């Protein structure tokens, strides 16, 4: 599982937890999230997310 960071606001999408408040269940890979999904904090589109370095 990986984490992805919004480059606009710093929100972290963690694949382990998903985004259940917005219909994305835990374990959903970032690549599998619909392209219509946006950052819950700033509404940035998926292309504004970068894979978090570990």
Protein backbone atom coordinates (compact mmCIF):
# COMPACT_ATOMS: atom_id res chain seq x y z
CA UNK A 1 0.00 0.00 0.00
CA UNK A 2 1.18 3.52 -0.75
CA UNK A 3 0.31 7.06 0.22
CA UNK A 4 -0.25 9.97 -2.15
CA UNK A 5 0.14 13.66 -1.28
CA UNK A 6 -1.83 16.54 -2.76
CA UNK A 7 0.77 18.99 -4.06
CA UNK A 8 -1.63 21.89 -3.56
CA UNK A 9 -2.62 21.47 0.10
CA UNK A 10 -0.66 18.55 1.57
CA UNK A 11 -3.64 16.21 2.10
CA UNK A 12 -2.46 12.57 2.23
CA UNK A 13 -4.49 9.81 0.59
CA UNK A 14 -3.42 6.56 2.25
CA UNK A 15 -4.46 3.47 0.30
CA UNK A 16 -4.75 1.50 3.56
CA UNK A 17 -7.61 3.73 4.73
CA UNK A 18 -9.15 4.99 1.49
CA UNK A 19 -11.60 7.90 1.67
CA UNK A 20 -14.82 6.33 3.00
CA UNK A 21 -16.52 9.70 3.43
CA UNK A 22 -16.35 10.07 -0.35
CA UNK A 23 -17.10 6.46 -1.36
CA UNK A 24 -13.53 5.13 -1.62
CA UNK A 25 -13.19 1.99 0.49
CA UNK A 26 -10.07 1.04 2.46
CA UNK A 27 -7.51 -0.79 0.35
CA UNK A 28 -8.35 1.05 -2.88
CA UNK A 29 -5.20 1.71 -4.91
CA UNK A 30 -4.82 5.32 -6.01
CA UNK A 31 -4.79 4.23 -9.66
CA UNK A 32 -8.21 2.59 -9.15
CA UNK A 33 -9.90 5.73 -7.78
CA UNK A 34 -12.27 7.21 -10.39
CA UNK A 35 -10.84 10.17 -12.31
CA UNK A 36 -13.76 12.25 -11.02
CA UNK A 37 -12.45 11.99 -7.43
CA UNK A 38 -10.92 15.19 -6.07
CA UNK A 39 -8.93 16.11 -2.98
CA UNK A 40 -11.38 16.25 -0.05
CA UNK A 41 -9.59 19.28 1.36
CA UNK A 42 -8.91 21.60 -1.62
CA UNK A 43 -10.76 19.91 -4.52
CA UNK A 44 -7.60 19.41 -6.61
CA UNK A 45 -7.85 16.74 -9.32
CA UNK A 46 -5.92 13.45 -9.20
CA UNK A 47 -3.03 14.73 -11.40
CA UNK A 48 -2.06 17.06 -8.53
CA UNK A 49 -1.17 14.08 -6.33
CA UNK A 50 2.35 12.69 -6.03
CA UNK A 51 3.35 9.32 -4.58
CA UNK A 52 4.78 9.88 -1.11
CA UNK A 53 8.40 8.86 -0.69
CA UNK A 54 9.08 6.37 2.10
